[in-house]
Amino acid sequence: MNKIRRKLTLSVFALLNLLLVTVAVGASPDISINFVGCCNDGATPAPTPLLSTDVAGVVPRGNWNNLSGNVVNDAILNDSNGAPTTVTITYSADEQWGSGAGLSTPDRKMLNGYLGISNDGNYRPLFLNNVPNG
């Protein structure tokens, strides 16, 4: 009897986890940001913007926001459907570079660019503004 109860409990737990993951993953639209990078001349040069049709990320999404430059002030971000949102981003970074992750897949392109937040030891925050509750 204990084996049956334990199997039933584990099955219910697994089902609840599946439902929670489905709800979390299905919580769309969301916002994805790709720091396109800059200035490396190696085998995988940056910048590497993503096309709106490129699907990348742990939770696969299209319509990534491609951001370039060391200083961005109140750039309006689009959601995963490509529609503008009220959310803006502001940052001041030391630099953007390319990691050499490659160009063969959207995930590699997304991982190729990165922000160098601080080489000089100064704190350089990144702000997301007007993020709705939820």
Protein backbone atom coordinates (compact mmCIF):
# COMPACT_ATOMS: atom_id res chain seq x y z
CA MET A 1 0.00 0.00 0.00
CA ASN A 2 2.84 2.38 0.82
CA LYS A 3 4.44 1.75 -2.60
CA ILE A 4 1.19 2.63 -4.37
CA ARG A 5 0.68 5.75 -2.25
CA ARG A 6 4.30 6.81 -2.86
CA LYS A 7 3.96 6.26 -6.65
CA LEU A 8 0.72 8.24 -6.67
CA THR A 9 2.31 11.06 -4.65
CA LEU A 10 5.31 11.20 -7.00
CA SER A 11 3.02 11.14 -10.04
CA VAL A 12 0.92 14.02 -8.67
CA PHE A 13 4.10 15.93 -7.80
CA ALA A 14 5.50 15.37 -11.32
CA LEU A 15 2.21 16.51 -12.87
CA LEU A 16 2.17 19.68 -10.73
CA ASN A 17 5.77 20.44 -11.72
CA LEU A 18 4.90 19.96 -15.38
CA LEU A 19 1.93 22.30 -15.03
CA LEU A 20 4.05 24.93 -13.25
CA VAL A 21 6.75 24.76 -15.94
CA THR A 22 4.11 24.95 -18.66
CA VAL A 23 2.57 28.03 -17.05
CA ALA A 24 5.98 29.68 -16.55
CA VAL A 25 7.20 28.90 -20.07
CA GLY A 26 3.84 29.79 -21.53
CA ALA A 27 3.90 33.19 -19.78
CA SER A 28 4.31 35.12 -22.96
CA PRO A 29 5.07 37.62 -24.25
CA ASP A 30 8.32 38.37 -22.49
CA ILE A 31 11.39 40.50 -23.26
CA SER A 32 14.78 39.20 -24.42
CA ILE A 33 17.93 41.31 -24.80
CA ASN A 34 20.94 40.54 -27.00
CA PHE A 35 24.08 42.61 -26.38
CA VAL A 36 25.52 42.39 -29.89
CA GLY A 37 29.14 43.02 -28.92
CA CYS A 38 31.79 44.92 -30.76
CA CYS A 39 35.15 45.08 -32.23
CA ASN A 40 36.81 41.68 -32.25
CA ASP A 41 38.48 40.55 -35.45
CA GLY A 42 38.79 36.85 -34.68
CA ALA A 43 37.11 33.89 -36.32
CA THR A 44 33.73 35.01 -34.93
CA PRO A 45 33.60 38.77 -35.31
CA ALA A 46 31.06 40.88 -33.44
CA PRO A 47 28.64 42.62 -33.59
CA THR A 48 26.26 39.71 -33.97
CA PRO A 49 22.65 40.88 -34.03
CA LEU A 50 19.84 38.34 -34.07
CA LEU A 51 17.20 38.43 -36.80
CA SER A 52 13.59 38.72 -35.65
CA THR A 53 13.12 35.13 -36.89
CA ASP A 54 16.11 33.80 -34.91
CA VAL A 55 14.89 31.71 -31.96
CA ALA A 56 17.41 31.49 -29.11
CA GLY A 57 17.69 31.08 -25.36
CA VAL A 58 17.01 28.55 -22.62
CA VAL A 59 13.34 29.33 -23.12
CA PRO A 60 13.38 29.65 -26.92
CA ARG A 61 12.17 33.06 -28.05
CA GLY A 62 12.30 35.19 -31.18
CA ASN A 63 12.25 38.97 -31.58
CA TRP A 64 15.27 39.64 -29.39
CA ASN A 65 16.15 43.28 -28.70
CA ASN A 66 19.59 43.90 -30.22
CA LEU A 67 21.49 46.51 -28.21
CA SER A 68 24.81 48.00 -29.23
CA GLY A 69 27.00 50.69 -27.78
CA ASN A 70 28.52 51.30 -24.38
CA VAL A 71 25.90 53.84 -23.34
CA VAL A 72 22.16 53.31 -23.84
CA ASN A 73 19.55 55.64 -22.36
CA ASP A 74 15.88 54.70 -22.16
CA ALA A 75 15.84 52.40 -25.19
CA ILE A 76 12.31 51.03 -25.66
CA LEU A 77 12.22 47.24 -25.56
CA ASN A 78 9.96 45.04 -27.70
CA ASP A 79 8.33 41.89 -26.42
CA SER A 80 8.72 38.39 -27.88
CA ASN A 81 5.89 39.15 -30.32
CA GLY A 82 7.84 42.14 -31.66
CA ALA A 83 5.47 44.72 -30.14
CA PRO A 84 6.84 47.77 -28.28
CA THR A 85 6.42 47.74 -24.49
CA THR A 86 6.59 50.39 -21.78
CA VAL A 87 9.86 48.85 -20.55
CA THR A 88 13.07 50.75 -21.26
CA ILE A 89 16.72 49.96 -20.55
CA THR A 90 19.51 52.29 -19.47
CA TYR A 91 23.16 51.41 -18.92
CA SER A 92 26.69 52.77 -19.15
CA ALA A 93 29.26 50.04 -19.71
CA ASP A 94 33.01 50.12 -20.22
CA GLU A 95 32.76 48.17 -23.45
CA GLN A 96 31.08 45.54 -25.59
CA TRP A 97 33.04 42.64 -27.03
CA GLY A 98 32.62 39.33 -28.81
CA SER A 99 33.26 36.08 -26.98
CA GLY A 100 33.98 33.95 -30.04
CA ALA A 101 30.94 31.71 -29.36
CA GLY A 102 30.26 31.35 -33.08
CA LEU A 103 27.62 32.19 -35.65
CA SER A 104 26.28 28.77 -36.66
CA THR A 105 23.09 28.94 -34.54
CA PRO A 106 21.00 31.71 -33.03
CA ASP A 107 22.12 30.59 -29.54
CA ARG A 108 25.77 30.99 -30.54
CA LYS A 109 25.09 34.43 -32.04
CA MET A 110 23.27 35.45 -28.87
CA LEU A 111 26.17 34.28 -26.68
CA ASN A 112 28.81 35.93 -28.88
CA GLY A 113 28.26 39.52 -27.73
CA TYR A 114 28.61 40.74 -24.17
CA LEU A 115 28.81 43.91 -22.08
CA GLY A 116 31.99 44.75 -20.20
CA ILE A 117 30.32 46.43 -17.23
CA SER A 118 33.46 47.56 -15.40
CA ASN A 119 37.16 47.27 -16.10
CA ASP A 120 37.98 50.25 -13.89
CA GLY A 121 36.40 48.98 -10.66
CA ASN A 122 33.49 51.42 -10.82
CA TYR A 123 29.97 50.14 -10.23
CA ARG A 124 27.99 50.46 -13.47
CA PRO A 125 24.39 49.32 -13.03
CA LEU A 126 21.96 48.33 -15.73
CA PHE A 127 18.39 49.62 -15.21
CA LEU A 128 15.12 48.23 -16.53
CA ASN A 129 12.49 50.97 -16.18
CA ASN A 130 8.68 50.87 -16.28
CA VAL A 131 8.52 47.10 -15.71
CA PRO A 132 4.86 46.22 -15.06
CA ASN A 133 3.91 44.31 -11.92
CA GLY A 134 3.37 40.63 -12.36
